[in-house]
Amino acid sequence: MKTELSLNFGNIIKNLRKEKDISQEELGFRSNLHRTYIGMIERGEKNITLENIEKLSKGLDVSMKLIFEKLKNTWLYSNLRLILYFLSNYLKIRYFVVNIFKKP
């Protein structure tokens, strides 16, 4: 099942792979994973294990930390609109409450 998390993770892997200018088949070879499995990860169709994330990071010659930082940044960006919406409403409510109790 495709989730936002698996889709974001897949896009990160795909972008890193393309930055390295390697095919899914080459990444599969370097990671000791099948090329079709790489494709399923990139499309967000697989819930990948930590062991396979480690294999991918080695195959891409990047740290697992980098992958997880990119994933964290993707989550923040994708939820930024929601965060700003709640912040905006909070400030409107706060302004309203402060003005109610303000002395004339």
Protein backbone atom coordinates (compact mmCIF):
# COMPACT_ATOMS: atom_id res chain seq x y z
CA MET A 1 0.00 0.00 0.00
CA LYS A 2 1.34 3.39 -0.97
CA THR A 3 1.61 5.80 1.93
CA GLU A 4 2.93 9.35 1.96
CA LEU A 5 5.99 8.09 3.81
CA SER A 6 6.79 5.32 1.33
CA LEU A 7 6.18 7.66 -1.63
CA ASN A 8 8.50 10.30 -0.15
CA PHE A 9 11.13 7.70 0.64
CA GLY A 10 10.91 6.31 -2.88
CA ASN A 11 11.33 9.76 -4.40
CA ILE A 12 14.41 10.36 -2.27
CA ILE A 13 15.99 7.10 -3.42
CA LYS A 14 15.10 7.85 -7.04
CA ASN A 15 16.57 11.37 -6.85
CA LEU A 16 19.77 10.14 -5.21
CA ARG A 17 20.09 7.42 -7.86
CA LYS A 18 19.62 9.91 -10.66
CA GLU A 19 22.15 12.30 -9.06
CA LYS A 20 24.65 9.42 -9.21
CA ASP A 21 23.59 8.78 -12.83
CA ILE A 22 23.00 5.07 -12.31
CA SER A 23 20.17 2.81 -13.44
CA GLN A 24 17.85 0.85 -11.18
CA GLU A 25 19.65 -2.27 -12.36
CA GLU A 26 23.05 -0.84 -11.37
CA LEU A 27 21.73 0.27 -7.98
CA GLY A 28 20.28 -3.20 -7.48
CA PHE A 29 23.67 -4.74 -8.25
CA ARG A 30 25.51 -2.35 -5.91
CA SER A 31 22.93 -2.89 -3.15
CA ASN A 32 22.48 -6.64 -3.63
CA LEU A 33 18.76 -6.06 -4.26
CA HIS A 34 16.73 -6.98 -7.35
CA ARG A 35 16.14 -4.18 -9.89
CA THR A 36 12.36 -4.72 -9.77
CA TYR A 37 12.48 -4.27 -5.99
CA ILE A 38 14.33 -0.96 -6.53
CA GLY A 39 11.52 0.14 -8.85
CA MET A 40 8.86 -0.83 -6.31
CA ILE A 41 10.68 1.15 -3.61
CA GLU A 42 10.94 4.20 -5.86
CA ARG A 43 7.20 4.01 -6.63
CA GLY A 44 6.34 3.71 -2.92
CA GLU A 45 4.99 0.18 -3.30
CA LYS A 46 7.21 -1.46 -0.67
CA ASN A 47 7.55 -0.96 3.06
CA ILE A 48 11.32 -1.27 3.22
CA THR A 49 13.30 -2.71 6.14
CA LEU A 50 16.21 -1.01 7.89
CA GLU A 51 18.51 -3.70 6.52
CA ASN A 52 17.51 -2.82 2.96
CA ILE A 53 17.80 0.92 3.66
CA GLU A 54 21.36 0.21 4.76
CA LYS A 55 22.00 -1.75 1.54
CA LEU A 56 20.60 1.11 -0.54
CA SER A 57 22.69 3.69 1.29
CA LYS A 58 25.83 1.65 0.60
CA GLY A 59 24.80 1.16 -3.02
CA LEU A 60 24.25 4.91 -3.40
CA ASP A 61 27.42 5.69 -1.43
CA VAL A 62 25.53 7.95 1.00
CA SER A 63 24.90 7.66 4.72
CA MET A 64 21.64 6.42 6.15
CA LYS A 65 21.63 9.68 8.12
CA LEU A 66 21.47 11.65 4.85
CA ILE A 67 18.50 9.60 3.64
CA PHE A 68 16.62 10.10 6.92
CA GLU A 69 17.43 13.84 6.99
CA LYS A 70 16.01 14.17 3.48
CA LEU A 71 12.94 12.22 4.59
CA LYS A 72 12.48 14.51 7.59
CA ASN A 73 12.80 17.60 5.40
CA THR A 74 10.28 16.14 2.93
CA TRP A 75 7.78 15.61 5.75
CA LEU A 76 8.24 19.17 7.00
CA TYR A 77 7.80 20.59 3.51
CA SER A 78 4.75 18.48 2.70
CA ASN A 79 3.09 19.47 5.99
CA LEU A 80 4.12 23.11 5.93
CA ARG A 81 0.74 24.29 4.63
CA LEU A 82 -1.04 22.51 7.48
CA ILE A 83 1.41 23.88 10.05
CA LEU A 84 0.96 27.42 8.72
CA TYR A 85 -2.82 27.03 8.72
CA PHE A 86 -2.88 26.07 12.40
CA LEU A 87 -0.39 28.77 13.30
CA SER A 88 -2.48 31.38 11.50
CA ASN A 89 -5.64 30.30 13.32
CA TYR A 90 -3.79 30.28 16.64
CA LEU A 91 -2.64 33.86 16.09
CA LYS A 92 -6.15 34.99 15.10
CA ILE A 93 -7.62 33.44 18.23
CA ARG A 94 -4.87 34.88 20.42
CA TYR A 95 -5.42 38.35 18.94
CA PHE A 96 -9.17 38.04 19.54
CA VAL A 97 -8.73 36.93 23.18
CA VAL A 98 -6.19 39.66 23.93
CA ASN A 99 -8.48 42.34 22.52
CA ILE A 100 -11.48 41.12 24.50
CA PHE A 101 -9.70 41.75 27.77
CA LYS A 102 -8.02 44.95 26.71
CA LYS A 103 -9.03 47.99 28.73
CA PRO A 104 -10.63 50.79 26.68
